[in-house]
Amino acid sequence: MKKIIISHGDKGGVGKSMFASLALEYIISRGQKVTLVEGDPNIGDVARRYAGVDGINVLGVNLDKSGVDAENAINALFSEIETLDSDYVVINSPANAAKTIDFHSDLIVPVAHDLGFEVLVAWMVGQGEESASLSSKSHLCEFADKKMAVLNFGLSGGLGADHFAWMEHPARDAWLETGGIEGSIPLLISRVSGQVKDIRAASMLQLAKAPDSPLNLISRQGLSRWLDSCFDGAVAPLIGEVA
C-alpha cells in the first residue's frame, strides 16, 4: 500500500525537519521515488536540501493556515497528491500544524485512504511536558493508521530518555495503550552536523557513501553510522518495508 508519512509535533524546534529528511533518505536508499511536501515554504529547509536530488520530487504547500484558509490548503495538498506518480509522500509539517492538519484530520485520513495511501505519523517529542500533552490532543495521531513518538536525542545533547518529560507523562501511557510505538534519533556530533547543513542539493546518503563526497573519511563514516542508527531506531519501525 502507498504511504503518506507526516512529520508532526506541533511546536517548532523538536526535529520535524530532521525526521522528514530521514524518511526521504530511507525511501531513496531502497531505490524508490518519493515526494516531499514542504509545509512551510517560508522556511523550506528540507526543500532546499533536496531540490535536485535524484528520486525526490519537491512540492511546496503552505500548511501554516487556519479557518477557511486551512481547508483550502488541505484541498490544494490533496489535489497535488492525487496527480502524483509516487507511492511515498513525506509531509514536513510546520509549527502550529494542529490548526491545519489536526483540525482537518477527518478530511485528510479518509481522502488518503480513498487514494490508496496509509497515513503514518511521526510525533516528534520535545523535552518539556507540553509536547507530551499535545500528543494526546492530536486528532491526526488518533485517526492515523500508525503512529510513532520519536525522541530526538539531539535536543538533550545526547543524554538519555530520562531527560524527556514524556517518559513519566500520562500521555505516554495513553499513546502506548492506543497502539502507538516509540522510536529515537541519536545525536549527530556538531562537527558533522554543521558540515552536512552547509552542503545542499545532495542527500546525506551521497555525502556518507559517494567516493566524491566533500566530507573527509571520518566524517563520512560517522554520518553513515548515524543514518543506519536512525533508520533502525526511528524510520523503519514506522514506515516498514519499502519495496
Protein backbone atom coordinates (compact mmCIF):
# COMPACT_ATOMS: atom_id res chain seq x y z
CA MET A 1 0.00 0.00 0.00
CA LYS A 2 1.14 3.54 -0.70
CA LYS A 3 2.15 5.65 2.28
CA ILE A 4 1.85 9.26 3.41
CA ILE A 5 4.35 9.96 6.20
CA ILE A 6 3.63 13.09 8.23
CA SER A 7 6.37 14.54 10.41
CA HIS A 8 4.37 16.24 13.15
CA GLY A 9 4.80 17.59 16.67
CA ASP A 10 3.00 20.94 16.51
CA LYS A 11 5.78 23.00 18.10
CA GLY A 12 8.90 24.22 16.29
CA GLY A 13 12.39 23.01 17.11
CA VAL A 14 11.52 19.42 18.00
CA GLY A 15 13.03 17.78 14.93
CA LYS A 16 10.21 17.60 12.38
CA SER A 17 12.52 18.59 9.54
CA MET A 18 15.09 16.06 10.67
CA PHE A 19 12.60 13.21 10.65
CA ALA A 20 11.23 14.26 7.25
CA SER A 21 14.78 14.24 5.89
CA LEU A 22 15.48 10.80 7.36
CA ALA A 23 12.27 9.41 5.88
CA LEU A 24 13.29 10.72 2.44
CA GLU A 25 16.76 9.23 2.82
CA TYR A 26 15.38 5.86 3.89
CA ILE A 27 12.99 5.62 0.95
CA ILE A 28 15.51 6.58 -1.73
CA SER A 29 18.07 4.25 -0.15
CA ARG A 30 15.63 1.45 -1.05
CA GLY A 31 15.53 2.57 -4.66
CA GLN A 32 12.08 4.16 -4.55
CA LYS A 33 10.89 7.59 -5.61
CA VAL A 34 9.31 9.89 -3.06
CA THR A 35 7.58 13.27 -2.97
CA LEU A 36 8.41 15.80 -0.29
CA VAL A 37 5.69 18.27 0.69
CA GLU A 38 7.29 21.25 2.42
CA GLY A 39 4.53 22.54 4.69
CA ASP A 40 6.18 25.88 5.47
CA PRO A 41 7.69 27.18 2.21
CA ASN A 42 8.84 30.35 4.00
CA ILE A 43 11.37 28.26 5.91
CA GLY A 44 11.79 25.48 3.39
CA ASP A 45 14.90 23.96 4.93
CA VAL A 46 14.16 20.41 3.77
CA ALA A 47 13.03 21.54 0.33
CA ARG A 48 16.26 23.46 -0.23
CA ARG A 49 18.39 20.46 0.71
CA TYR A 50 16.63 18.00 -1.57
CA ALA A 51 15.77 20.15 -4.58
CA GLY A 52 17.50 18.44 -7.48
CA VAL A 53 18.29 15.19 -5.64
CA ASP A 54 17.53 12.14 -7.78
CA GLY A 55 14.41 10.28 -6.76
CA ILE A 56 12.87 13.16 -4.78
CA ASN A 57 10.09 15.37 -6.10
CA VAL A 58 9.68 18.57 -4.08
CA LEU A 59 6.39 20.40 -3.59
CA GLY A 60 5.66 23.49 -1.53
CA VAL A 61 2.18 23.70 0.01
CA ASN A 62 1.70 26.22 2.80
CA LEU A 63 0.05 24.33 5.67
CA ASP A 64 0.52 27.14 8.19
CA LYS A 65 -3.09 28.24 7.85
CA SER A 66 -6.25 28.41 9.91
CA GLY A 67 -10.01 28.58 9.33
CA VAL A 68 -11.20 28.50 5.73
CA ASP A 69 -7.63 29.01 4.52
CA ALA A 70 -6.63 25.77 6.25
CA GLU A 71 -9.28 23.79 4.40
CA ASN A 72 -8.18 25.40 1.14
CA ALA A 73 -4.61 24.35 1.93
CA ILE A 74 -5.67 20.73 2.54
CA ASN A 75 -7.63 20.82 -0.71
CA ALA A 76 -4.57 22.10 -2.59
CA LEU A 77 -2.38 19.45 -0.96
CA PHE A 78 -4.55 16.51 -1.95
CA SER A 79 -5.17 17.91 -5.42
CA GLU A 80 -1.40 17.62 -5.85
CA ILE A 81 -1.17 14.20 -4.23
CA GLU A 82 -3.92 12.81 -6.47
CA THR A 83 -1.85 13.57 -9.58
CA LEU A 84 1.45 12.16 -8.28
CA ASP A 85 3.26 9.19 -9.72
CA SER A 86 4.70 8.37 -6.32
CA ASP A 87 3.94 5.63 -3.81
CA TYR A 88 5.52 7.59 -0.95
CA VAL A 89 4.77 11.12 0.22
CA VAL A 90 6.60 12.77 3.12
CA ILE A 91 4.97 15.86 4.64
CA ASN A 92 7.15 18.17 6.71
CA SER A 93 4.50 19.94 8.76
CA PRO A 94 5.01 23.49 10.01
CA ALA A 95 4.99 24.70 13.58
CA ASN A 96 1.43 25.06 14.89
CA ALA A 97 0.24 22.50 12.34
CA ALA A 98 -2.61 21.50 14.64
CA LYS A 99 -4.81 24.25 13.22
CA THR A 100 -4.50 22.70 9.75
CA ILE A 101 -3.69 19.00 9.73
CA ASP A 102 -5.18 18.11 13.12
CA PHE A 103 -8.30 20.20 12.70
CA HIS A 104 -8.94 18.60 9.29
CA SER A 105 -7.77 15.06 10.09
CA ASP A 106 -11.33 13.82 9.47
CA LEU A 107 -10.86 15.02 5.89
CA ILE A 108 -7.21 14.04 5.43
CA VAL A 109 -7.37 10.41 6.50
CA PRO A 110 -10.46 9.28 4.52
CA VAL A 111 -9.26 11.02 1.35
CA ALA A 112 -5.79 9.46 1.74
CA HIS A 113 -7.43 6.04 2.09
CA ASP A 114 -9.58 6.64 -1.00
CA LEU A 115 -6.37 7.40 -2.91
CA GLY A 116 -4.81 4.15 -1.67
CA PHE A 117 -2.48 5.64 0.96
CA GLU A 118 -1.87 4.63 4.54
CA VAL A 119 -1.38 7.59 6.88
CA LEU A 120 1.67 7.28 9.14
CA VAL A 121 2.52 9.94 11.74
CA ALA A 122 5.83 10.61 13.47
CA TRP A 123 5.15 12.72 16.57
CA MET A 124 8.41 14.48 17.44
CA VAL A 125 8.68 14.63 21.21
CA GLY A 126 10.12 17.78 22.77
CA GLN A 127 11.75 17.70 26.18
CA GLY A 128 9.01 19.51 28.08
CA GLU A 129 5.62 18.42 29.37
CA GLU A 130 3.72 20.48 26.80
CA SER A 131 4.95 18.34 23.93
CA ALA A 132 3.74 15.21 25.70
CA SER A 133 0.35 16.76 26.50
CA LEU A 134 -0.16 17.88 22.92
CA SER A 135 0.29 14.33 21.63
CA SER A 136 -2.94 13.31 23.32
CA LYS A 137 -4.79 16.20 21.67
CA SER A 138 -3.70 15.41 18.12
CA HIS A 139 -6.66 14.17 16.11
CA LEU A 140 -4.33 13.18 13.30
CA CYS A 141 -2.47 10.84 15.65
CA GLU A 142 -5.83 9.47 16.78
CA PHE A 143 -7.01 8.62 13.27
CA ALA A 144 -3.69 7.64 11.66
CA ASP A 145 -3.09 4.06 10.57
CA LYS A 146 0.16 4.02 12.53
CA LYS A 147 1.83 6.48 14.88
CA MET A 148 5.26 6.70 16.45
CA ALA A 149 6.54 9.03 19.17
CA VAL A 150 10.15 9.93 18.37
CA LEU A 151 12.68 11.07 20.97
CA ASN A 152 15.29 13.26 19.31
CA PHE A 153 18.38 12.93 21.48
CA GLY A 154 19.91 15.87 19.67
CA LEU A 155 17.62 18.01 21.86
CA SER A 156 19.24 16.69 25.02
CA GLY A 157 22.82 16.79 23.78
CA GLY A 158 22.85 13.01 23.54
CA LEU A 159 21.68 12.45 27.12
CA GLY A 160 19.24 9.65 27.88
CA ALA A 161 15.47 9.33 27.69
CA ASP A 162 15.08 10.38 31.32
CA HIS A 163 15.75 13.96 30.17
CA PHE A 164 12.36 13.94 28.41
CA ALA A 165 9.19 14.63 30.42
CA TRP A 166 7.48 12.20 28.02
CA MET A 167 8.89 9.19 29.82
CA GLU A 168 6.92 9.85 33.02
CA HIS A 169 3.91 11.59 31.48
CA PRO A 170 0.40 10.03 31.42
CA ALA A 171 0.24 10.84 27.68
CA ARG A 172 2.92 8.21 27.09
CA ASP A 173 0.79 5.53 28.73
CA ALA A 174 -2.20 6.57 26.63
CA TRP A 175 -0.05 6.55 23.50
CA LEU A 176 1.15 3.00 24.05
CA GLU A 177 -2.29 1.76 25.11
CA THR A 178 -3.80 3.00 21.85
CA GLY A 179 -1.26 1.19 19.68
CA GLY A 180 1.38 3.89 19.35
CA ILE A 181 5.03 2.90 19.17
CA GLU A 182 8.23 4.70 20.12
CA GLY A 183 11.47 5.44 18.30
CA SER A 184 14.58 7.52 18.80
CA ILE A 185 17.10 9.55 16.85
CA PRO A 186 20.64 9.60 18.25
CA LEU A 187 22.82 12.69 18.46
CA LEU A 188 24.89 13.54 15.38
CA ILE A 189 28.04 15.30 16.54
CA SER A 190 28.04 19.02 15.86
CA ARG A 191 31.10 19.00 13.59
CA VAL A 192 29.50 16.57 11.13
CA SER A 193 26.05 18.10 11.50
CA GLY A 194 27.44 21.53 10.60
CA GLN A 195 29.18 20.18 7.52
CA VAL A 196 26.03 18.45 6.32
CA LYS A 197 23.89 21.60 6.77
CA ASP A 198 26.32 23.63 4.67
CA ILE A 199 26.04 21.31 1.65
CA ARG A 200 22.82 21.38 -0.36
CA ALA A 201 21.44 19.52 -3.39
CA ALA A 202 22.96 16.32 -2.07
CA SER A 203 21.38 13.59 0.02
CA MET A 204 23.02 12.61 3.28
CA LEU A 205 23.47 9.15 1.78
CA GLN A 206 25.53 10.68 -1.03
CA LEU A 207 27.63 12.59 1.46
CA ALA A 208 28.17 9.44 3.51
CA LYS A 209 28.90 6.95 0.75
CA ALA A 210 29.82 8.57 -2.57
CA PRO A 211 33.53 8.41 -3.47
CA ASP A 212 33.45 12.09 -4.47
CA SER A 213 31.83 13.24 -1.22
CA PRO A 214 33.28 16.54 0.04
CA LEU A 215 33.33 15.10 3.57
CA ASN A 216 36.53 13.54 4.84
CA LEU A 217 36.60 9.83 5.61
CA ILE A 218 35.97 10.03 9.35
CA SER A 219 33.01 12.36 8.84
CA ARG A 220 31.59 10.09 6.16
CA GLN A 221 31.86 7.09 8.44
CA GLY A 222 30.24 8.93 11.33
CA LEU A 223 27.38 10.13 9.13
CA SER A 224 26.86 6.64 7.69
CA ARG A 225 26.72 5.09 11.15
CA TRP A 226 24.29 7.77 12.35
CA LEU A 227 21.99 7.22 9.35
CA ASP A 228 21.92 3.47 9.94
CA SER A 229 21.02 4.05 13.60
CA CYS A 230 18.26 6.48 12.63
CA PHE A 231 16.82 4.10 10.04
CA ASP A 232 16.80 1.21 12.52
CA GLY A 233 15.64 3.19 15.55
CA ALA A 234 13.09 5.59 14.12
CA VAL A 235 12.25 5.34 10.43
CA ALA A 236 11.89 1.63 9.62
CA PRO A 237 9.65 0.92 12.64
CA LEU A 238 7.14 3.46 11.31
CA ILE A 239 7.40 3.05 7.55
CA GLY A 240 8.11 -0.68 7.43
CA GLU A 241 9.36 -2.44 4.33
CA VAL A 242 9.93 -0.25 1.27
CA ALA A 243 9.78 -2.22 -1.96
